[in-house]
Amino acid sequence: MKTLGNLLVIFLVIIGMLALIPLAAIGVSIVFSIFYLAIWFLSFWIIATSDETTDFEKIAWLLAMFCLSWFA
């Protein structure tokens, strides 16, 4: 009888672990989404804080990056 109880506990633990797989996938997708958005915003930040270009040229670059990123 104790063996049957142990097998039941093992079975329930396996089912519980399988139930956690979608939660882990959601967590990984959220982390990758945040990482992707950080990289996307970093390119805008680099251009906006650059001392190499004038203000109007920065605006043109930022608008070009924004528009082209939606078409990519």
PDB file of N, CA and C in Angstrom:
ATOM      1  N   MET A   1       0.812  -1.187   0.000  1.00  0.00           N
ATOM      2  CA  MET A   1       0.000   0.000   0.000  1.00  0.00           C
ATOM      3  C   MET A   1       0.866   1.266   0.000  1.00  0.00           C
ATOM      4  N   LYS A   2       2.012   1.211   0.707  1.00  0.00           N
ATOM      5  CA  LYS A   2       2.908   2.352   0.744  1.00  0.00           C
ATOM      6  C   LYS A   2       3.516   2.613  -0.635  1.00  0.00           C
ATOM      7  N   THR A   3       3.788   1.560  -1.379  1.00  0.00           N
ATOM      8  CA  THR A   3       4.337   1.700  -2.726  1.00  0.00           C
ATOM      9  C   THR A   3       3.346   2.396  -3.640  1.00  0.00           C
ATOM     10  N   LEU A   4       2.080   2.045  -3.521  1.00  0.00           N
ATOM     11  CA  LEU A   4       1.047   2.679  -4.335  1.00  0.00           C
ATOM     12  C   LEU A   4       0.947   4.168  -4.006  1.00  0.00           C
ATOM     13  N   GLY A   5       1.048   4.500  -2.734  1.00  0.00           N
ATOM     14  CA  GLY A   5       1.026   5.912  -2.329  1.00  0.00           C
ATOM     15  C   GLY A   5       2.223   6.672  -2.870  1.00  0.00           C
ATOM     16  N   ASN A   6       3.392   6.040  -2.835  1.00  0.00           N
ATOM     17  CA  ASN A   6       4.590   6.677  -3.386  1.00  0.00           C
ATOM     18  C   ASN A   6       4.463   6.898  -4.888  1.00  0.00           C
ATOM     19  N   LEU A   7       3.926   5.911  -5.597  1.00  0.00           N
ATOM     20  CA  LEU A   7       3.722   6.055  -7.038  1.00  0.00           C
ATOM     21  C   LEU A   7       2.730   7.170  -7.343  1.00  0.00           C
ATOM     22  N   LEU A   8       1.697   7.290  -6.521  1.00  0.00           N
ATOM     23  CA  LEU A   8       0.713   8.357  -6.709  1.00  0.00           C
ATOM     24  C   LEU A   8       1.359   9.727  -6.496  1.00  0.00           C
ATOM     25  N   VAL A   9       2.188   9.846  -5.478  1.00  0.00           N
ATOM     26  CA  VAL A   9       2.878  11.115  -5.223  1.00  0.00           C
ATOM     27  C   VAL A   9       3.817  11.454  -6.377  1.00  0.00           C
ATOM     28  N   ILE A  10       4.560  10.474  -6.864  1.00  0.00           N
ATOM     29  CA  ILE A  10       5.458  10.699  -7.997  1.00  0.00           C
ATOM     30  C   ILE A  10       4.668  11.124  -9.225  1.00  0.00           C
ATOM     31  N   PHE A  11       3.551  10.469  -9.477  1.00  0.00           N
ATOM     32  CA  PHE A  11       2.702  10.820 -10.610  1.00  0.00           C
ATOM     33  C   PHE A  11       2.184  12.250 -10.478  1.00  0.00           C
ATOM     34  N   LEU A  12       1.743  12.635  -9.292  1.00  0.00           N
ATOM     35  CA  LEU A  12       1.224  13.987  -9.089  1.00  0.00           C
ATOM     36  C   LEU A  12       2.320  15.042  -9.223  1.00  0.00           C
ATOM     37  N   VAL A  13       3.523  14.713  -8.791  1.00  0.00           N
ATOM     38  CA  VAL A  13       4.646  15.644  -8.955  1.00  0.00           C
ATOM     39  C   VAL A  13       4.967  15.834 -10.432  1.00  0.00           C
ATOM     40  N   ILE A  14       4.941  14.747 -11.192  1.00  0.00           N
ATOM     41  CA  ILE A  14       5.199  14.845 -12.633  1.00  0.00           C
ATOM     42  C   ILE A  14       4.128  15.688 -13.310  1.00  0.00           C
ATOM     43  N   ILE A  15       2.872  15.482 -12.953  1.00  0.00           N
ATOM     44  CA  ILE A  15       1.781  16.283 -13.520  1.00  0.00           C
ATOM     45  C   ILE A  15       1.955  17.754 -13.142  1.00  0.00           C
ATOM     46  N   GLY A  16       2.355  18.002 -11.901  1.00  0.00           N
ATOM     47  CA  GLY A  16       2.600  19.381 -11.466  1.00  0.00           C
ATOM     48  C   GLY A  16       3.730  20.035 -12.230  1.00  0.00           C
ATOM     49  N   MET A  17       4.793  19.282 -12.492  1.00  0.00           N
ATOM     50  CA  MET A  17       5.911  19.826 -13.260  1.00  0.00           C
ATOM     51  C   MET A  17       5.486  20.132 -14.694  1.00  0.00           C
ATOM     52  N   LEU A  18       4.658  19.279 -15.273  1.00  0.00           N
ATOM     53  CA  LEU A  18       4.164  19.534 -16.624  1.00  0.00           C
ATOM     54  C   LEU A  18       3.279  20.774 -16.663  1.00  0.00           C
ATOM     55  N   ALA A  19       2.567  21.026 -15.573  1.00  0.00           N
ATOM     56  CA  ALA A  19       1.718  22.210 -15.516  1.00  0.00           C
ATOM     57  C   ALA A  19       2.548  23.486 -15.418  1.00  0.00           C
ATOM     58  N   LEU A  20       3.778  23.392 -14.944  1.00  0.00           N
ATOM     59  CA  LEU A  20       4.633  24.572 -14.808  1.00  0.00           C
ATOM     60  C   LEU A  20       5.331  24.961 -16.109  1.00  0.00           C
ATOM     61  N   ILE A  21       5.345  24.082 -17.089  1.00  0.00           N
ATOM     62  CA  ILE A  21       6.022  24.371 -18.354  1.00  0.00           C
ATOM     63  C   ILE A  21       5.436  25.606 -19.043  1.00  0.00           C
ATOM     64  N   PRO A  22       4.104  25.747 -19.154  1.00  0.00           N
ATOM     65  CA  PRO A  22       3.582  26.973 -19.778  1.00  0.00           C
ATOM     66  C   PRO A  22       3.943  28.235 -18.999  1.00  0.00           C
ATOM     67  N   LEU A  23       3.979  28.153 -17.683  1.00  0.00           N
ATOM     68  CA  LEU A  23       4.356  29.323 -16.892  1.00  0.00           C
ATOM     69  C   LEU A  23       5.811  29.702 -17.142  1.00  0.00           C
ATOM     70  N   ALA A  24       6.669  28.718 -17.260  1.00  0.00           N
ATOM     71  CA  ALA A  24       8.076  28.991 -17.559  1.00  0.00           C
ATOM     72  C   ALA A  24       8.215  29.600 -18.953  1.00  0.00           C
ATOM     73  N   ALA A  25       7.430  29.119 -19.902  1.00  0.00           N
ATOM     74  CA  ALA A  25       7.484  29.661 -21.259  1.00  0.00           C
ATOM     75  C   ALA A  25       7.013  31.112 -21.281  1.00  0.00           C
ATOM     76  N   ILE A  26       6.001  31.421 -20.506  1.00  0.00           N
ATOM     77  CA  ILE A  26       5.525  32.804 -20.431  1.00  0.00           C
ATOM     78  C   ILE A  26       6.602  33.693 -19.822  1.00  0.00           C
ATOM     79  N   GLY A  27       7.254  33.203 -18.788  1.00  0.00           N
ATOM     80  CA  GLY A  27       8.325  33.978 -18.163  1.00  0.00           C
ATOM     81  C   GLY A  27       9.475  34.249 -19.113  1.00  0.00           C
ATOM     82  N   VAL A  28       9.869  33.236 -19.862  1.00  0.00           N
ATOM     83  CA  VAL A  28      10.961  33.401 -20.821  1.00  0.00           C
ATOM     84  C   VAL A  28      10.557  34.377 -21.921  1.00  0.00           C
ATOM     85  N   SER A  29       9.321  34.296 -22.398  1.00  0.00           N
ATOM     86  CA  SER A  29       8.882  35.212 -23.452  1.00  0.00           C
ATOM     87  C   SER A  29       8.822  36.649 -22.948  1.00  0.00           C
ATOM     88  N   ILE A  30       8.448  36.848 -21.696  1.00  0.00           N
ATOM     89  CA  ILE A  30       8.434  38.204 -21.135  1.00  0.00           C
ATOM     90  C   ILE A  30       9.853  38.752 -21.027  1.00  0.00           C
ATOM     91  N   VAL A  31      10.776  37.923 -20.583  1.00  0.00           N
ATOM     92  CA  VAL A  31      12.173  38.367 -20.457  1.00  0.00           C
ATOM     93  C   VAL A  31      12.747  38.727 -21.821  1.00  0.00           C
ATOM     94  N   PHE A  32      12.515  37.892 -22.833  1.00  0.00           N
ATOM     95  CA  PHE A  32      13.021  38.194 -24.168  1.00  0.00           C
ATOM     96  C   PHE A  32      12.351  39.423 -24.764  1.00  0.00           C
ATOM     97  N   SER A  33      11.069  39.633 -24.482  1.00  0.00           N
ATOM     98  CA  SER A  33      10.382  40.824 -24.976  1.00  0.00           C
ATOM     99  C   SER A  33      10.974  42.089 -24.364  1.00  0.00           C
ATOM    100  N   ILE A  34      11.242  42.055 -23.071  1.00  0.00           N
ATOM    101  CA  ILE A  34      11.850  43.211 -22.411  1.00  0.00           C
ATOM    102  C   ILE A  34      13.253  43.463 -22.968  1.00  0.00           C
ATOM    103  N   PHE A  35      14.010  42.403 -23.201  1.00  0.00           N
ATOM    104  CA  PHE A  35      15.354  42.537 -23.770  1.00  0.00           C
ATOM    105  C   PHE A  35      15.289  43.142 -25.171  1.00  0.00           C
ATOM    106  N   TYR A  36      14.353  42.681 -26.007  1.00  0.00           N
ATOM    107  CA  TYR A  36      14.209  43.194 -27.366  1.00  0.00           C
ATOM    108  C   TYR A  36      13.829  44.671 -27.345  1.00  0.00           C
ATOM    109  N   LEU A  37      12.883  45.045 -26.487  1.00  0.00           N
ATOM    110  CA  LEU A  37      12.478  46.447 -26.398  1.00  0.00           C
ATOM    111  C   LEU A  37      13.614  47.326 -25.880  1.00  0.00           C
ATOM    112  N   ALA A  38      14.418  46.806 -24.961  1.00  0.00           N
ATOM    113  CA  ALA A  38      15.555  47.576 -24.456  1.00  0.00           C
ATOM    114  C   ALA A  38      16.564  47.844 -25.572  1.00  0.00           C
ATOM    115  N   ILE A  39      16.826  46.851 -26.399  1.00  0.00           N
ATOM    116  CA  ILE A  39      17.741  47.040 -27.525  1.00  0.00           C
ATOM    117  C   ILE A  39      17.156  48.037 -28.519  1.00  0.00           C
ATOM    118  N   TRP A  40      15.842  47.960 -28.752  1.00  0.00           N
ATOM    119  CA  TRP A  40      15.178  48.864 -29.695  1.00  0.00           C
ATOM    120  C   TRP A  40      15.252  50.302 -29.190  1.00  0.00           C
ATOM    121  N   PHE A  41      14.984  50.515 -27.909  1.00  0.00           N
ATOM    122  CA  PHE A  41      15.051  51.861 -27.341  1.00  0.00           C
ATOM    123  C   PHE A  41      16.489  52.357 -27.221  1.00  0.00           C
ATOM    124  N   LEU A  42      17.433  51.451 -27.066  1.00  0.00           N
ATOM    125  CA  LEU A  42      18.833  51.842 -26.963  1.00  0.00           C
ATOM    126  C   LEU A  42      19.307  52.539 -28.234  1.00  0.00           C
ATOM    127  N   SER A  43      18.874  52.069 -29.388  1.00  0.00           N
ATOM    128  CA  SER A  43      19.278  52.709 -30.638  1.00  0.00           C
ATOM    129  C   SER A  43      18.749  54.138 -30.711  1.00  0.00           C
ATOM    130  N   PHE A  44      17.523  54.369 -30.247  1.00  0.00           N
ATOM    131  CA  PHE A  44      16.981  55.726 -30.217  1.00  0.00           C
ATOM    132  C   PHE A  44      17.744  56.594 -29.213  1.00  0.00           C
ATOM    133  N   TRP A  45      18.083  56.010 -28.074  1.00  0.00           N
ATOM    134  CA  TRP A  45      18.803  56.749 -27.038  1.00  0.00           C
ATOM    135  C   TRP A  45      20.193  57.172 -27.525  1.00  0.00           C
ATOM    136  N   ILE A  46      20.859  56.297 -28.243  1.00  0.00           N
ATOM    137  CA  ILE A  46      22.196  56.616 -28.753  1.00  0.00           C
ATOM    138  C   ILE A  46      22.129  57.789 -29.722  1.00  0.00           C
ATOM    139  N   ILE A  47      21.143  57.794 -30.600  1.00  0.00           N
ATOM    140  CA  ILE A  47      21.014  58.892 -31.554  1.00  0.00           C
ATOM    141  C   ILE A  47      20.594  60.177 -30.847  1.00  0.00           C
ATOM    142  N   ALA A  48      19.665  60.082 -29.912  1.00  0.00           N
ATOM    143  CA  ALA A  48      19.154  61.279 -29.239  1.00  0.00           C
ATOM    144  C   ALA A  48      20.220  61.963 -28.388  1.00  0.00           C
ATOM    145  N   THR A  49      21.154  61.210 -27.854  1.00  0.00           N
ATOM    146  CA  THR A  49      22.181  61.802 -26.992  1.00  0.00           C
ATOM    147  C   THR A  49      23.509  62.025 -27.709  1.00  0.00           C
ATOM    148  N   SER A  50      23.537  61.818 -29.008  1.00  0.00           N
ATOM    149  CA  SER A  50      24.780  61.964 -29.761  1.00  0.00           C
ATOM    150  C   SER A  50      25.145  63.440 -29.916  1.00  0.00           C
ATOM    151  N   ASP A  51      26.426  63.725 -29.841  1.00  0.00           N
ATOM    152  CA  ASP A  51      26.925  65.081 -30.063  1.00  0.00           C
ATOM    153  C   ASP A  51      27.442  65.270 -31.489  1.00  0.00           C
ATOM    154  N   GLU A  52      27.346  64.249 -32.298  1.00  0.00           N
ATOM    155  CA  GLU A  52      27.892  64.289 -33.657  1.00  0.00           C
ATOM    156  C   GLU A  52      26.960  64.985 -34.650  1.00  0.00           C
ATOM    157  N   THR A  53      25.680  65.112 -34.327  1.00  0.00           N
ATOM    158  CA  THR A  53      24.717  65.655 -35.281  1.00  0.00           C
ATOM    159  C   THR A  53      23.995  66.851 -34.678  1.00  0.00           C
ATOM    160  N   THR A  54      23.351  67.621 -35.567  1.00  0.00           N
ATOM    161  CA  THR A  54      22.557  68.766 -35.118  1.00  0.00           C
ATOM    162  C   THR A  54      21.176  68.285 -34.693  1.00  0.00           C
ATOM    163  N   ASP A  55      20.403  69.209 -34.140  1.00  0.00           N
ATOM    164  CA  ASP A  55      19.076  68.839 -33.635  1.00  0.00           C
ATOM    165  C   ASP A  55      18.143  68.372 -34.744  1.00  0.00           C
ATOM    166  N   PHE A  56      18.134  69.093 -35.873  1.00  0.00           N
ATOM    167  CA  PHE A  56      17.234  68.709 -36.959  1.00  0.00           C
ATOM    168  C   PHE A  56      17.646  67.376 -37.585  1.00  0.00           C
ATOM    169  N   GLU A  57      18.940  67.142 -37.641  1.00  0.00           N
ATOM    170  CA  GLU A  57      19.413  65.867 -38.175  1.00  0.00           C
ATOM    171  C   GLU A  57      19.050  64.717 -37.231  1.00  0.00           C
ATOM    172  N   LYS A  58      19.105  64.967 -35.936  1.00  0.00           N
ATOM    173  CA  LYS A  58      18.688  63.951 -34.963  1.00  0.00           C
ATOM    174  C   LYS A  58      17.218  63.613 -35.140  1.00  0.00           C
ATOM    175  N   ILE A  59      16.400  64.644 -35.311  1.00  0.00           N
ATOM    176  CA  ILE A  59      14.964  64.414 -35.496  1.00  0.00           C
ATOM    177  C   ILE A  59      14.726  63.598 -36.756  1.00  0.00           C
ATOM    178  N   ALA A  60      15.453  63.926 -37.830  1.00  0.00           N
ATOM    179  CA  ALA A  60      15.298  63.174 -39.080  1.00  0.00           C
ATOM    180  C   ALA A  60      15.713  61.716 -38.892  1.00  0.00           C
ATOM    181  N   TRP A  61      16.831  61.491 -38.204  1.00  0.00           N
ATOM    182  CA  TRP A  61      17.277  60.114 -37.956  1.00  0.00           C
ATOM    183  C   TRP A  61      16.271  59.356 -37.094  1.00  0.00           C
ATOM    184  N   LEU A  62      15.767  60.008 -36.059  1.00  0.00           N
ATOM    185  CA  LEU A  62      14.805  59.338 -35.179  1.00  0.00           C
ATOM    186  C   LEU A  62      13.514  59.007 -35.915  1.00  0.00           C
ATOM    187  N   LEU A  63      13.027  59.942 -36.724  1.00  0.00           N
ATOM    188  CA  LEU A  63      11.823  59.660 -37.516  1.00  0.00           C
ATOM    189  C   LEU A  63      12.070  58.533 -38.515  1.00  0.00           C
ATOM    190  N   ALA A  64      13.226  58.546 -39.154  1.00  0.00           N
ATOM    191  CA  ALA A  64      13.547  57.483 -40.113  1.00  0.00           C
ATOM    192  C   ALA A  64      13.622  56.130 -39.414  1.00  0.00           C
ATOM    193  N   MET A  65      14.264  56.093 -38.259  1.00  0.00           N
ATOM    194  CA  MET A  65      14.358  54.819 -37.534  1.00  0.00           C
ATOM    195  C   MET A  65      12.988  54.340 -37.081  1.00  0.00           C
ATOM    196  N   PHE A  66      12.166  55.252 -36.607  1.00  0.00           N
ATOM    197  CA  PHE A  66      10.836  54.870 -36.141  1.00  0.00           C
ATOM    198  C   PHE A  66       9.990  54.330 -37.288  1.00  0.00           C
ATOM    199  N   CYS A  67       9.999  55.043 -38.415  1.00  0.00           N
ATOM    200  CA  CYS A  67       9.183  54.608 -39.561  1.00  0.00           C
ATOM    201  C   CYS A  67       9.718  53.312 -40.169  1.00  0.00           C
ATOM    202  N   LEU A  68      11.023  53.210 -40.326  1.00  0.00           N
ATOM    203  CA  LEU A  68      11.591  52.011 -40.941  1.00  0.00           C
ATOM    204  C   LEU A  68      11.477  50.787 -40.043  1.00  0.00           C
ATOM    205  N   SER A  69      11.480  50.991 -38.734  1.00  0.00           N
ATOM    206  CA  SER A  69      11.364  49.833 -37.849  1.00  0.00           C
ATOM    207  C   SER A  69       9.974  49.213 -37.924  1.00  0.00           C
ATOM    208  N   TRP A  70       8.967  49.990 -38.268  1.00  0.00           N
ATOM    209  CA  TRP A  70       7.623  49.425 -38.394  1.00  0.00           C
ATOM    210  C   TRP A  70       7.466  48.640 -39.690  1.00  0.00           C
ATOM    211  N   PHE A  71       8.240  49.007 -40.719  1.00  0.00           N
ATOM    212  CA  PHE A  71       8.142  48.303 -41.994  1.00  0.00           C
ATOM    213  C   PHE A  71       9.033  47.069 -42.045  1.00  0.00           C
ATOM    214  N   ALA A  72       9.970  46.947 -41.150  1.00  0.00           N
ATOM    215  CA  ALA A  72      10.920  45.832 -41.172  1.00  0.00           C
ATOM    216  C   ALA A  72      10.265  44.535 -40.758  1.00  0.00           C
TER     217      ALA A  72
END
